[in-house]
Amino acid sequence: MDTPLRTLAKALTWQGLGLGLMTLIGLAFTGSVTTGGGIALTGAATGLVTYALHERVWARVAWGRRG
């Protein structure tokens, strides 16, 4: 099992990789690093909120749990 610090480092590097890739994809579509970065940041923020809400909904669903 990973230590909490390792888990945090992995999460941060994963998020950084995602932001970088989304910025490049945004750049490819718009021709602007600023716009691409804005798209990437908006996507990351939206994904964070959506994931948290998704987890809260699933916390209320008993299906598939044991014990």
C-alpha atoms as a PDB file:
ATOM      1  CA  MET A   1       0.000   0.000   0.000  1.00  0.00           C
ATOM      2  CA  ASP A   2       1.209   3.478  -0.834  1.00  0.00           C
ATOM      3  CA  THR A   3       1.904   6.120   1.780  1.00  0.00           C
ATOM      4  CA  PRO A   4      -0.388   9.173   1.771  1.00  0.00           C
ATOM      5  CA  LEU A   5       2.477  11.318   0.453  1.00  0.00           C
ATOM      6  CA  ARG A   6       3.076   8.940  -2.456  1.00  0.00           C
ATOM      7  CA  THR A   7      -0.649   8.938  -3.248  1.00  0.00           C
ATOM      8  CA  LEU A   8      -0.642  12.754  -3.265  1.00  0.00           C
ATOM      9  CA  ALA A   9       2.431  12.848  -5.516  1.00  0.00           C
ATOM     10  CA  LYS A  10       0.816  10.410  -7.940  1.00  0.00           C
ATOM     11  CA  ALA A  11      -2.429  12.416  -7.993  1.00  0.00           C
ATOM     12  CA  LEU A  12      -0.572  15.673  -8.634  1.00  0.00           C
ATOM     13  CA  THR A  13       1.569  14.241 -11.431  1.00  0.00           C
ATOM     14  CA  TRP A  14      -1.521  12.645 -13.006  1.00  0.00           C
ATOM     15  CA  GLN A  15      -3.394  15.953 -12.849  1.00  0.00           C
ATOM     16  CA  GLY A  16      -0.386  17.799 -14.297  1.00  0.00           C
ATOM     17  CA  LEU A  17      -0.144  15.313 -17.152  1.00  0.00           C
ATOM     18  CA  GLY A  18      -3.862  15.715 -17.858  1.00  0.00           C
ATOM     19  CA  LEU A  19      -3.664  19.510 -17.811  1.00  0.00           C
ATOM     20  CA  GLY A  20      -0.683  19.467 -20.153  1.00  0.00           C
ATOM     21  CA  LEU A  21      -2.329  17.101 -22.610  1.00  0.00           C
ATOM     22  CA  MET A  22      -5.634  18.989 -22.565  1.00  0.00           C
ATOM     23  CA  THR A  23      -3.763  22.243 -23.148  1.00  0.00           C
ATOM     24  CA  LEU A  24      -2.068  20.712 -26.199  1.00  0.00           C
ATOM     25  CA  ILE A  25      -5.384  19.372 -27.492  1.00  0.00           C
ATOM     26  CA  GLY A  26      -6.968  22.796 -26.953  1.00  0.00           C
ATOM     27  CA  LEU A  27      -4.016  24.406 -28.720  1.00  0.00           C
ATOM     28  CA  ALA A  28      -4.440  22.049 -31.670  1.00  0.00           C
ATOM     29  CA  PHE A  29      -8.102  22.954 -32.009  1.00  0.00           C
ATOM     30  CA  THR A  30      -7.888  26.692 -31.301  1.00  0.00           C
ATOM     31  CA  GLY A  31      -4.332  27.722 -32.172  1.00  0.00           C
ATOM     32  CA  SER A  32      -4.002  29.425 -28.778  1.00  0.00           C
ATOM     33  CA  VAL A  33      -2.119  28.183 -25.709  1.00  0.00           C
ATOM     34  CA  THR A  34      -4.147  30.564 -23.530  1.00  0.00           C
ATOM     35  CA  THR A  35      -7.455  29.249 -24.827  1.00  0.00           C
ATOM     36  CA  GLY A  36      -6.188  25.667 -24.660  1.00  0.00           C
ATOM     37  CA  GLY A  37      -5.090  26.213 -21.058  1.00  0.00           C
ATOM     38  CA  GLY A  38      -8.452  27.724 -20.225  1.00  0.00           C
ATOM     39  CA  ILE A  39     -10.202  24.711 -21.686  1.00  0.00           C
ATOM     40  CA  ALA A  40      -7.907  22.402 -19.699  1.00  0.00           C
ATOM     41  CA  LEU A  41      -8.488  24.242 -16.409  1.00  0.00           C
ATOM     42  CA  THR A  42     -12.233  24.354 -16.975  1.00  0.00           C
ATOM     43  CA  GLY A  43     -12.251  20.639 -17.736  1.00  0.00           C
ATOM     44  CA  ALA A  44     -10.205  19.833 -14.629  1.00  0.00           C
ATOM     45  CA  ALA A  45     -12.445  21.913 -12.356  1.00  0.00           C
ATOM     46  CA  THR A  46     -15.617  20.492 -13.887  1.00  0.00           C
ATOM     47  CA  GLY A  47     -14.241  16.966 -13.604  1.00  0.00           C
ATOM     48  CA  LEU A  48     -13.348  17.473  -9.938  1.00  0.00           C
ATOM     49  CA  VAL A  49     -16.823  18.692  -9.011  1.00  0.00           C
ATOM     50  CA  THR A  50     -18.567  16.062 -11.124  1.00  0.00           C
ATOM     51  CA  TYR A  51     -16.443  13.272  -9.631  1.00  0.00           C
ATOM     52  CA  ALA A  52     -17.172  14.419  -6.081  1.00  0.00           C
ATOM     53  CA  LEU A  53     -20.918  14.549  -6.773  1.00  0.00           C
ATOM     54  CA  HIS A  54     -20.773  11.150  -8.500  1.00  0.00           C
ATOM     55  CA  GLU A  55     -19.051   9.644  -5.457  1.00  0.00           C
ATOM     56  CA  ARG A  56     -21.657  11.136  -3.077  1.00  0.00           C
ATOM     57  CA  VAL A  57     -24.484   9.640  -5.145  1.00  0.00           C
ATOM     58  CA  TRP A  58     -22.799   6.224  -5.224  1.00  0.00           C
ATOM     59  CA  ALA A  59     -22.233   6.401  -1.464  1.00  0.00           C
ATOM     60  CA  ARG A  60     -26.032   6.198  -1.105  1.00  0.00           C
ATOM     61  CA  VAL A  61     -26.389   3.155  -3.376  1.00  0.00           C
ATOM     62  CA  ALA A  62     -26.269  -0.154  -1.525  1.00  0.00           C
ATOM     63  CA  TRP A  63     -26.048  -2.324  -4.649  1.00  0.00           C
ATOM     64  CA  GLY A  64     -22.883  -4.424  -4.888  1.00  0.00           C
ATOM     65  CA  ARG A  65     -21.712  -3.903  -1.309  1.00  0.00           C
ATOM     66  CA  ARG A  66     -20.775  -6.775   0.952  1.00  0.00           C
ATOM     67  CA  GLY A  67     -21.307  -6.940   4.664  1.00  0.00           C
END
